[in-house]
Amino acid sequence: MEFGVRDGTRQTQQLIGVTGMINRAIFIYGAIAFFLAFFVVWMVSYFWKKSIPSDGDSLISEKLRQNGGPEKRQHRRFDVNWPVSIETIYGTIAAEIKNLSLGGAFISCSKPLRLKKIFNMTIMCPGDEPLLVTAQVAWSNANMPEEKVVNRGMGVRFINMSERHLQLVRQFCQESA
């Protein structure tokens, strides 16, 4: 009888040892699977952010301009060097308008806003009152390499302006033409 008890104890100990090994293997393989899943998700999000810049279509727009793509502007642009204050939730950004039309402007600034961002700005046009404008970012060159950028900035579309200020822009455009 003693022989059977020892045999059963030995088998129980072996079973416990095998179960422990299986549990350790499950834990190790589970940890490896979790790490790999985390790594894959991180890589996908990292490259997704790289391939889809915050300014979205700016790279496409830039390539179209470089390759002589279609011009979508409705109004002629005029070169200016007017100071502008851009209001953001982080405060006011001082920048400069490099060209202007009835429909929008190019704003030269070191950190352009994200694509489709709507913001208020105050344009300081010489000899007239400041123009209060609500604008939307249409494109940006924020993700272009520094060596390919002449003026870091963004193209904006005017979406709201008083009739008086619109008339001042219209008058400037007519005088500059």
N, C-alpha and C. Protein backbone atom coordinates (compact mmCIF):
# COMPACT_ATOMS: atom_id res chain seq x y z
N MET A 1 0.82 -1.18 0.00
CA MET A 1 0.00 0.00 0.00
C MET A 1 0.87 1.26 0.00
N GLU A 2 1.94 1.17 0.74
CA GLU A 2 2.84 2.30 0.81
C GLU A 2 3.41 2.64 -0.56
N PHE A 3 3.61 1.66 -1.36
CA PHE A 3 4.14 1.85 -2.70
C PHE A 3 3.21 2.71 -3.54
N GLY A 4 1.93 2.49 -3.47
CA GLY A 4 0.93 3.26 -4.23
C GLY A 4 0.83 4.70 -3.77
N VAL A 5 1.01 4.92 -2.46
CA VAL A 5 0.93 6.28 -1.93
C VAL A 5 2.11 7.10 -2.43
N ARG A 6 3.28 6.48 -2.39
CA ARG A 6 4.45 7.19 -2.89
C ARG A 6 4.29 7.49 -4.38
N ASP A 7 3.80 6.57 -5.10
CA ASP A 7 3.57 6.73 -6.53
C ASP A 7 2.58 7.88 -6.77
N GLY A 8 1.51 7.92 -6.00
CA GLY A 8 0.51 8.99 -6.14
C GLY A 8 1.09 10.34 -5.76
N THR A 9 1.91 10.37 -4.73
CA THR A 9 2.53 11.62 -4.30
C THR A 9 3.50 12.10 -5.36
N ARG A 10 4.26 11.18 -5.88
CA ARG A 10 5.21 11.53 -6.93
C ARG A 10 4.47 12.05 -8.17
N GLN A 11 3.39 11.40 -8.53
CA GLN A 11 2.60 11.84 -9.69
C GLN A 11 1.98 13.21 -9.43
N THR A 12 1.52 13.42 -8.20
CA THR A 12 0.94 14.73 -7.84
C THR A 12 2.01 15.81 -7.92
N GLN A 13 3.20 15.51 -7.42
CA GLN A 13 4.29 16.49 -7.48
C GLN A 13 4.70 16.78 -8.92
N GLN A 14 4.72 15.75 -9.72
CA GLN A 14 5.05 15.95 -11.14
C GLN A 14 3.97 16.79 -11.82
N LEU A 15 2.72 16.50 -11.49
CA LEU A 15 1.59 17.26 -12.06
C LEU A 15 1.67 18.72 -11.64
N ILE A 16 2.00 18.96 -10.38
CA ILE A 16 2.14 20.35 -9.89
C ILE A 16 3.30 21.03 -10.60
N GLY A 17 4.40 20.32 -10.79
CA GLY A 17 5.55 20.89 -11.51
C GLY A 17 5.22 21.22 -12.95
N VAL A 18 4.50 20.34 -13.63
CA VAL A 18 4.11 20.57 -15.01
C VAL A 18 3.13 21.74 -15.09
N THR A 19 2.18 21.80 -14.16
CA THR A 19 1.21 22.90 -14.13
C THR A 19 1.92 24.24 -13.92
N GLY A 20 2.90 24.25 -13.04
CA GLY A 20 3.68 25.48 -12.81
C GLY A 20 4.43 25.91 -14.06
N MET A 21 4.99 24.96 -14.76
CA MET A 21 5.71 25.27 -16.01
C MET A 21 4.74 25.82 -17.06
N ILE A 22 3.56 25.21 -17.14
CA ILE A 22 2.55 25.68 -18.10
C ILE A 22 2.11 27.09 -17.74
N ASN A 23 1.88 27.35 -16.46
CA ASN A 23 1.48 28.69 -16.03
C ASN A 23 2.56 29.73 -16.35
N ARG A 24 3.83 29.37 -16.11
CA ARG A 24 4.92 30.30 -16.43
C ARG A 24 4.99 30.54 -17.94
N ALA A 25 4.83 29.48 -18.73
CA ALA A 25 4.87 29.62 -20.19
C ALA A 25 3.72 30.50 -20.67
N ILE A 26 2.52 30.29 -20.11
CA ILE A 26 1.37 31.13 -20.50
C ILE A 26 1.65 32.58 -20.14
N PHE A 27 2.21 32.82 -18.96
CA PHE A 27 2.51 34.18 -18.55
C PHE A 27 3.54 34.83 -19.48
N ILE A 28 4.60 34.10 -19.78
CA ILE A 28 5.67 34.64 -20.63
C ILE A 28 5.13 34.91 -22.04
N TYR A 29 4.42 33.93 -22.61
CA TYR A 29 3.87 34.13 -23.96
C TYR A 29 2.82 35.24 -23.97
N GLY A 30 2.05 35.34 -22.91
CA GLY A 30 1.06 36.42 -22.80
C GLY A 30 1.75 37.79 -22.74
N ALA A 31 2.82 37.87 -21.95
CA ALA A 31 3.56 39.13 -21.84
C ALA A 31 4.18 39.51 -23.19
N ILE A 32 4.73 38.52 -23.89
CA ILE A 32 5.31 38.77 -25.20
C ILE A 32 4.24 39.23 -26.18
N ALA A 33 3.08 38.57 -26.17
CA ALA A 33 1.97 38.94 -27.07
C ALA A 33 1.49 40.36 -26.75
N PHE A 34 1.38 40.69 -25.46
CA PHE A 34 0.95 42.04 -25.07
C PHE A 34 1.97 43.07 -25.55
N PHE A 35 3.25 42.81 -25.35
CA PHE A 35 4.29 43.73 -25.79
C PHE A 35 4.25 43.93 -27.30
N LEU A 36 4.12 42.83 -28.05
CA LEU A 36 4.08 42.93 -29.51
C LEU A 36 2.84 43.71 -29.97
N ALA A 37 1.69 43.46 -29.34
CA ALA A 37 0.47 44.19 -29.70
C ALA A 37 0.65 45.67 -29.41
N PHE A 38 1.22 46.01 -28.25
CA PHE A 38 1.46 47.40 -27.91
C PHE A 38 2.41 48.04 -28.92
N PHE A 39 3.48 47.32 -29.27
CA PHE A 39 4.45 47.83 -30.22
C PHE A 39 3.82 48.07 -31.59
N VAL A 40 3.00 47.15 -32.06
CA VAL A 40 2.34 47.30 -33.36
C VAL A 40 1.40 48.51 -33.34
N VAL A 41 0.61 48.66 -32.29
CA VAL A 41 -0.31 49.81 -32.18
C VAL A 41 0.49 51.11 -32.15
N TRP A 42 1.58 51.13 -31.40
CA TRP A 42 2.41 52.33 -31.33
C TRP A 42 3.00 52.67 -32.70
N MET A 43 3.53 51.67 -33.40
CA MET A 43 4.11 51.90 -34.72
C MET A 43 3.07 52.41 -35.71
N VAL A 44 1.89 51.81 -35.70
CA VAL A 44 0.83 52.25 -36.61
C VAL A 44 0.47 53.70 -36.32
N SER A 45 0.27 54.05 -35.04
CA SER A 45 -0.10 55.43 -34.72
C SER A 45 1.04 56.40 -35.05
N TYR A 46 2.29 56.00 -34.81
CA TYR A 46 3.43 56.85 -35.11
C TYR A 46 3.51 57.15 -36.60
N PHE A 47 3.45 56.11 -37.43
CA PHE A 47 3.55 56.32 -38.87
C PHE A 47 2.29 56.94 -39.44
N TRP A 48 1.15 56.71 -38.82
CA TRP A 48 -0.09 57.33 -39.26
C TRP A 48 0.04 58.85 -39.09
N LYS A 49 0.54 59.28 -37.94
CA LYS A 49 0.72 60.71 -37.69
C LYS A 49 1.73 61.30 -38.67
N LYS A 50 2.77 60.54 -39.00
CA LYS A 50 3.77 61.03 -39.94
C LYS A 50 3.21 61.12 -41.35
N SER A 51 2.37 60.15 -41.73
CA SER A 51 1.86 60.14 -43.10
C SER A 51 0.68 61.07 -43.31
N ILE A 52 -0.03 61.41 -42.23
CA ILE A 52 -1.15 62.35 -42.33
C ILE A 52 -0.81 63.54 -41.45
N PRO A 53 -0.19 64.56 -42.03
CA PRO A 53 0.21 65.72 -41.25
C PRO A 53 -0.99 66.46 -40.70
N SER A 54 -0.72 67.26 -39.63
CA SER A 54 -1.78 68.01 -39.00
C SER A 54 -2.44 68.99 -39.94
N ASP A 55 -1.72 69.39 -40.96
CA ASP A 55 -2.29 70.32 -41.90
C ASP A 55 -2.85 69.61 -43.13
N GLY A 56 -3.02 68.31 -43.06
CA GLY A 56 -3.72 67.52 -44.05
C GLY A 56 -3.30 67.70 -45.47
N ASP A 57 -4.00 68.51 -46.22
CA ASP A 57 -3.80 68.64 -47.65
C ASP A 57 -2.65 69.56 -48.03
N SER A 58 -1.91 70.09 -47.05
CA SER A 58 -0.88 71.06 -47.41
C SER A 58 0.19 70.45 -48.31
N LEU A 59 0.57 69.20 -48.06
CA LEU A 59 1.59 68.57 -48.89
C LEU A 59 1.07 68.39 -50.31
N ILE A 60 -0.18 68.00 -50.45
CA ILE A 60 -0.79 67.85 -51.76
C ILE A 60 -0.86 69.22 -52.44
N SER A 61 -1.30 70.23 -51.70
CA SER A 61 -1.40 71.57 -52.26
C SER A 61 -0.04 72.08 -52.71
N GLU A 62 0.98 71.82 -51.88
CA GLU A 62 2.33 72.27 -52.22
C GLU A 62 2.81 71.58 -53.50
N LYS A 63 2.57 70.28 -53.63
CA LYS A 63 2.98 69.56 -54.83
C LYS A 63 2.24 70.08 -56.06
N LEU A 64 0.96 70.39 -55.92
CA LEU A 64 0.21 70.95 -57.05
C LEU A 64 0.79 72.29 -57.47
N ARG A 65 1.13 73.13 -56.49
CA ARG A 65 1.71 74.43 -56.83
C ARG A 65 3.07 74.26 -57.51
N GLN A 66 3.90 73.33 -57.01
CA GLN A 66 5.22 73.11 -57.58
C GLN A 66 5.12 72.53 -58.98
N ASN A 67 4.14 71.70 -59.21
CA ASN A 67 3.98 71.04 -60.51
C ASN A 67 3.05 71.80 -61.45
N GLY A 68 2.72 73.02 -61.11
CA GLY A 68 1.84 73.81 -61.97
C GLY A 68 0.41 73.30 -61.97
N GLY A 69 -0.02 72.80 -60.84
CA GLY A 69 -1.38 72.27 -60.71
C GLY A 69 -2.42 73.37 -60.83
N PRO A 70 -3.66 72.98 -60.78
CA PRO A 70 -4.74 73.95 -60.97
C PRO A 70 -4.79 75.00 -59.87
N GLU A 71 -4.99 76.23 -60.26
CA GLU A 71 -5.14 77.34 -59.33
C GLU A 71 -6.61 77.44 -58.94
N LYS A 72 -6.89 77.35 -57.66
CA LYS A 72 -8.28 77.34 -57.19
C LYS A 72 -8.72 78.69 -56.63
N ARG A 73 -7.82 79.63 -56.58
CA ARG A 73 -8.16 80.93 -56.00
C ARG A 73 -9.14 81.67 -56.91
N GLN A 74 -10.10 82.32 -56.28
CA GLN A 74 -11.10 83.08 -57.03
C GLN A 74 -10.68 84.53 -57.22
N HIS A 75 -9.79 85.00 -56.32
CA HIS A 75 -9.41 86.41 -56.34
C HIS A 75 -7.90 86.57 -56.50
N ARG A 76 -7.51 87.60 -57.18
CA ARG A 76 -6.10 87.90 -57.38
C ARG A 76 -5.45 88.28 -56.05
N ARG A 77 -4.22 87.84 -55.86
CA ARG A 77 -3.47 88.14 -54.64
C ARG A 77 -2.54 89.32 -54.86
N PHE A 78 -2.34 90.09 -53.79
CA PHE A 78 -1.46 91.26 -53.84
C PHE A 78 -0.44 91.16 -52.71
N ASP A 79 0.82 91.42 -53.04
CA ASP A 79 1.89 91.35 -52.05
C ASP A 79 1.77 92.50 -51.05
N VAL A 80 1.87 92.18 -49.79
CA VAL A 80 1.85 93.15 -48.70
C VAL A 80 2.82 92.68 -47.62
N ASN A 81 3.08 93.50 -46.67
CA ASN A 81 3.83 93.14 -45.46
C ASN A 81 3.14 93.78 -44.29
N TRP A 82 1.99 93.24 -43.92
CA TRP A 82 1.18 93.81 -42.86
C TRP A 82 1.23 92.94 -41.61
N PRO A 83 1.42 93.58 -40.46
CA PRO A 83 1.38 92.82 -39.20
C PRO A 83 -0.03 92.28 -38.96
N VAL A 84 -0.10 91.13 -38.32
CA VAL A 84 -1.38 90.53 -37.97
C VAL A 84 -1.24 89.87 -36.60
N SER A 85 -2.29 89.94 -35.81
CA SER A 85 -2.35 89.27 -34.51
C SER A 85 -3.36 88.14 -34.61
N ILE A 86 -2.92 86.94 -34.31
CA ILE A 86 -3.77 85.75 -34.39
C ILE A 86 -4.16 85.35 -32.97
N GLU A 87 -5.46 85.24 -32.73
CA GLU A 87 -5.95 84.86 -31.40
C GLU A 87 -6.12 83.34 -31.34
N THR A 88 -5.47 82.72 -30.35
CA THR A 88 -5.63 81.28 -30.11
C THR A 88 -5.97 81.06 -28.64
N ILE A 89 -6.29 79.84 -28.28
CA ILE A 89 -6.59 79.56 -26.88
C ILE A 89 -5.33 79.67 -26.01
N TYR A 90 -4.16 79.68 -26.65
CA TYR A 90 -2.90 79.79 -25.92
C TYR A 90 -2.39 81.23 -25.84
N GLY A 91 -3.11 82.15 -26.47
CA GLY A 91 -2.69 83.54 -26.46
C GLY A 91 -2.62 84.10 -27.87
N THR A 92 -2.00 85.25 -27.98
CA THR A 92 -1.89 85.95 -29.26
C THR A 92 -0.57 85.62 -29.93
N ILE A 93 -0.65 85.35 -31.24
CA ILE A 93 0.55 85.09 -32.03
C ILE A 93 0.76 86.28 -32.96
N ALA A 94 1.93 86.87 -32.91
CA ALA A 94 2.28 87.96 -33.83
C ALA A 94 2.83 87.34 -35.11
N ALA A 95 2.31 87.77 -36.24
CA ALA A 95 2.73 87.23 -37.53
C ALA A 95 2.69 88.35 -38.57
N GLU A 96 2.86 87.96 -39.84
CA GLU A 96 2.85 88.95 -40.92
C GLU A 96 2.12 88.40 -42.13
N ILE A 97 1.25 89.21 -42.69
CA ILE A 97 0.57 88.84 -43.92
C ILE A 97 1.49 89.20 -45.08
N LYS A 98 1.79 88.20 -45.92
CA LYS A 98 2.68 88.41 -47.06
C LYS A 98 1.93 88.69 -48.35
N ASN A 99 0.73 88.12 -48.50
CA ASN A 99 -0.12 88.49 -49.63
C ASN A 99 -1.57 88.37 -49.22
N LEU A 100 -2.42 89.10 -49.95
CA LEU A 100 -3.80 89.29 -49.54
C LEU A 100 -4.70 89.34 -50.76
N SER A 101 -5.92 88.84 -50.61
CA SER A 101 -6.94 88.97 -51.64
C SER A 101 -8.28 89.18 -50.94
N LEU A 102 -9.33 89.30 -51.72
CA LEU A 102 -10.66 89.43 -51.12
C LEU A 102 -11.07 88.16 -50.38
N GLY A 103 -10.55 87.03 -50.78
CA GLY A 103 -10.97 85.76 -50.19
C GLY A 103 -10.07 85.19 -49.12
N GLY A 104 -8.83 85.69 -49.00
CA GLY A 104 -7.93 85.12 -48.02
C GLY A 104 -6.57 85.77 -48.04
N ALA A 105 -5.61 85.10 -47.40
CA ALA A 105 -4.27 85.67 -47.27
C ALA A 105 -3.26 84.56 -46.99
N PHE A 106 -1.98 84.90 -47.20
CA PHE A 106 -0.91 84.03 -46.73
C PHE A 106 -0.30 84.70 -45.52
N ILE A 107 -0.26 83.97 -44.41
CA ILE A 107 0.29 84.49 -43.16
C ILE A 107 1.62 83.80 -42.89
N SER A 108 2.66 84.58 -42.78
CA SER A 108 3.98 84.07 -42.45
C SER A 108 4.11 84.01 -40.93
N CYS A 109 4.34 82.80 -40.41
CA CYS A 109 4.49 82.63 -38.96
C CYS A 109 5.33 81.38 -38.71
N SER A 110 6.00 81.34 -37.57
CA SER A 110 6.90 80.23 -37.28
C SER A 110 6.17 78.94 -36.95
N LYS A 111 4.96 79.02 -36.41
CA LYS A 111 4.21 77.81 -36.06
C LYS A 111 2.78 77.92 -36.59
N PRO A 112 2.58 77.53 -37.85
CA PRO A 112 1.23 77.61 -38.44
C PRO A 112 0.23 76.76 -37.66
N LEU A 113 -1.03 77.20 -37.70
CA LEU A 113 -2.10 76.45 -37.05
C LEU A 113 -2.46 75.22 -37.87
N ARG A 114 -3.23 74.31 -37.28
CA ARG A 114 -3.60 73.07 -37.97
C ARG A 114 -4.66 73.34 -39.05
N LEU A 115 -4.74 72.44 -39.99
CA LEU A 115 -5.67 72.53 -41.10
C LEU A 115 -7.11 72.65 -40.59
N LYS A 116 -7.86 73.53 -41.21
CA LYS A 116 -9.28 73.79 -40.92
C LYS A 116 -9.54 74.48 -39.59
N LYS A 117 -8.48 74.89 -38.90
CA LYS A 117 -8.64 75.61 -37.63
C LYS A 117 -9.26 76.97 -37.93
N ILE A 118 -10.31 77.31 -37.20
CA ILE A 118 -10.98 78.61 -37.33
C ILE A 118 -10.48 79.49 -36.19
N PHE A 119 -10.13 80.73 -36.52
CA PHE A 119 -9.57 81.63 -35.52
C PHE A 119 -9.90 83.08 -35.89
N ASN A 120 -9.74 83.96 -34.91
CA ASN A 120 -9.93 85.40 -35.13
C ASN A 120 -8.56 86.04 -35.26
N MET A 121 -8.51 87.05 -36.11
CA MET A 121 -7.24 87.78 -36.28
C MET A 121 -7.53 89.26 -36.49
N THR A 122 -6.52 90.05 -36.19
CA THR A 122 -6.59 91.49 -36.39
C THR A 122 -5.47 91.88 -37.33
N ILE A 123 -5.85 92.40 -38.51
CA ILE A 123 -4.88 92.81 -39.53
C ILE A 123 -4.63 94.30 -39.38
N MET A 124 -3.36 94.68 -39.28
CA MET A 124 -2.99 96.09 -39.16
C MET A 124 -2.62 96.61 -40.55
N CYS A 125 -3.61 97.11 -41.29
CA CYS A 125 -3.31 97.64 -42.61
C CYS A 125 -2.93 99.12 -42.48
N PRO A 126 -1.89 99.54 -43.18
CA PRO A 126 -1.40 100.92 -43.03
C PRO A 126 -2.44 101.95 -43.44
N GLY A 127 -2.54 102.97 -42.62
CA GLY A 127 -3.40 104.09 -42.95
C GLY A 127 -4.88 103.87 -42.67
N ASP A 128 -5.29 102.67 -42.31
CA ASP A 128 -6.69 102.39 -42.05
C ASP A 128 -6.83 101.79 -40.65
N GLU A 129 -8.06 101.61 -40.26
CA GLU A 129 -8.33 100.97 -38.98
C GLU A 129 -7.96 99.48 -39.05
N PRO A 130 -7.68 98.86 -37.92
CA PRO A 130 -7.39 97.42 -37.92
C PRO A 130 -8.61 96.63 -38.43
N LEU A 131 -8.32 95.61 -39.22
CA LEU A 131 -9.39 94.78 -39.77
C LEU A 131 -9.59 93.56 -38.87
N LEU A 132 -10.82 93.36 -38.40
CA LEU A 132 -11.14 92.21 -37.58
C LEU A 132 -11.74 91.14 -38.48
N VAL A 133 -11.09 89.97 -38.51
CA VAL A 133 -11.47 88.92 -39.46
C VAL A 133 -11.52 87.57 -38.75
N THR A 134 -12.50 86.76 -39.11
CA THR A 134 -12.50 85.35 -38.72
C THR A 134 -12.04 84.58 -39.95
N ALA A 135 -11.07 83.70 -39.76
CA ALA A 135 -10.48 82.98 -40.89
C ALA A 135 -10.38 81.50 -40.56
N GLN A 136 -10.13 80.71 -41.62
CA GLN A 136 -9.94 79.27 -41.48
C GLN A 136 -8.68 78.88 -42.23
N VAL A 137 -7.86 78.02 -41.63
CA VAL A 137 -6.63 77.57 -42.27
C VAL A 137 -7.00 76.66 -43.44
N ALA A 138 -6.58 77.05 -44.64
CA ALA A 138 -6.85 76.27 -45.85
C ALA A 138 -5.70 75.32 -46.16
N TRP A 139 -4.47 75.75 -45.90
CA TRP A 139 -3.28 74.92 -46.11
C TRP A 139 -2.15 75.48 -45.27
N SER A 140 -1.12 74.68 -45.11
CA SER A 140 0.03 75.08 -44.32
C SER A 140 1.27 74.38 -44.84
N ASN A 141 2.42 75.00 -44.64
CA ASN A 141 3.67 74.34 -45.01
C ASN A 141 4.45 73.94 -43.75
N ALA A 142 3.74 73.70 -42.67
CA ALA A 142 4.36 73.36 -41.39
C ALA A 142 5.20 72.09 -41.46
N ASN A 143 4.82 71.14 -42.30
CA ASN A 143 5.55 69.88 -42.36
C ASN A 143 6.55 69.79 -43.51
N MET A 144 6.74 70.88 -44.21
CA MET A 144 7.73 70.90 -45.28
C MET A 144 9.13 71.04 -44.66
N PRO A 145 10.14 70.40 -45.25
CA PRO A 145 11.51 70.57 -44.74
C PRO A 145 11.94 72.03 -44.81
N GLU A 146 12.68 72.45 -43.84
CA GLU A 146 13.11 73.86 -43.71
C GLU A 146 13.77 74.37 -44.98
N GLU A 147 14.59 73.54 -45.62
CA GLU A 147 15.32 73.98 -46.81
C GLU A 147 14.41 74.21 -48.02
N LYS A 148 13.18 73.71 -47.98
CA LYS A 148 12.26 73.89 -49.10
C LYS A 148 11.26 75.02 -48.87
N VAL A 149 11.33 75.66 -47.72
CA VAL A 149 10.35 76.70 -47.37
C VAL A 149 10.98 78.07 -47.46
N VAL A 150 10.36 78.96 -48.24
CA VAL A 150 10.82 80.34 -48.32
C VAL A 150 10.24 81.11 -47.13
N ASN A 151 8.93 81.02 -46.95
CA ASN A 151 8.25 81.64 -45.81
C ASN A 151 7.41 80.57 -45.12
N ARG A 152 7.75 80.25 -43.87
CA ARG A 152 6.95 79.30 -43.09
C ARG A 152 5.62 79.99 -42.80
N GLY A 153 4.53 79.27 -43.00
CA GLY A 153 3.25 79.89 -42.71
C GLY A 153 2.07 79.08 -43.20
N MET A 154 0.95 79.80 -43.42
CA MET A 154 -0.30 79.13 -43.77
C MET A 154 -1.15 80.03 -44.65
N GLY A 155 -1.91 79.40 -45.51
CA GLY A 155 -2.89 80.10 -46.32
C GLY A 155 -4.22 80.04 -45.61
N VAL A 156 -4.89 81.18 -45.50
CA VAL A 156 -6.17 81.22 -44.79
C VAL A 156 -7.27 81.74 -45.70
N ARG A 157 -8.47 81.30 -45.42
CA ARG A 157 -9.67 81.72 -46.13
C ARG A 157 -10.47 82.59 -45.17
N PHE A 158 -10.86 83.77 -45.63
CA PHE A 158 -11.70 84.63 -44.79
C PHE A 158 -13.11 84.05 -44.75
N ILE A 159 -13.65 83.89 -43.53
CA ILE A 159 -15.01 83.36 -43.43
C ILE A 159 -15.98 84.34 -42.80
N ASN A 160 -15.46 85.37 -42.14
CA ASN A 160 -16.35 86.39 -41.60
C ASN A 160 -15.58 87.70 -41.40
N MET A 161 -16.22 88.78 -41.90
CA MET A 161 -15.61 90.10 -41.81
C MET A 161 -16.75 91.12 -41.94
N SER A 162 -16.64 92.21 -41.23
CA SER A 162 -17.69 93.22 -41.34
C SER A 162 -17.71 93.80 -42.76
N GLU A 163 -18.83 94.33 -43.15
CA GLU A 163 -18.96 94.93 -44.48
C GLU A 163 -17.96 96.08 -44.64
N ARG A 164 -17.76 96.85 -43.60
CA ARG A 164 -16.80 97.98 -43.62
C ARG A 164 -15.38 97.46 -43.90
N HIS A 165 -14.98 96.42 -43.20
CA HIS A 165 -13.63 95.89 -43.39
C HIS A 165 -13.48 95.20 -44.74
N LEU A 166 -14.52 94.55 -45.21
CA LEU A 166 -14.50 93.95 -46.54
C LEU A 166 -14.33 95.05 -47.60
N GLN A 167 -14.99 96.17 -47.39
CA GLN A 167 -14.87 97.29 -48.32
C GLN A 167 -13.44 97.84 -48.33
N LEU A 168 -12.80 97.89 -47.17
CA LEU A 168 -11.41 98.36 -47.11
C LEU A 168 -10.47 97.42 -47.88
N VAL A 169 -10.67 96.11 -47.75
CA VAL A 169 -9.86 95.14 -48.49
C VAL A 169 -10.13 95.28 -49.98
N ARG A 170 -11.39 95.41 -50.34
CA ARG A 170 -11.78 95.56 -51.76
C ARG A 170 -11.13 96.82 -52.34
N GLN A 171 -11.16 97.91 -51.58
CA GLN A 171 -10.55 99.17 -52.03
C GLN A 171 -9.04 99.01 -52.21
N PHE A 172 -8.38 98.35 -51.28
CA PHE A 172 -6.94 98.11 -51.40
C PHE A 172 -6.63 97.30 -52.68
N CYS A 173 -7.41 96.24 -52.90
CA CYS A 173 -7.18 95.37 -54.07
C CYS A 173 -7.38 96.16 -55.37
N GLN A 174 -8.37 97.02 -55.42
CA GLN A 174 -8.62 97.81 -56.64
C GLN A 174 -7.49 98.82 -56.87
N GLU A 175 -7.00 99.41 -55.79
CA GLU A 175 -5.91 100.39 -55.92
C GLU A 175 -4.60 99.71 -56.31
N SER A 176 -4.41 98.48 -55.91
CA SER A 176 -3.16 97.75 -56.19
C SER A 176 -3.16 97.10 -57.57
N ALA A 177 -4.32 96.96 -58.16
CA ALA A 177 -4.40 96.24 -59.46
C ALA A 177 -3.79 97.03 -60.61
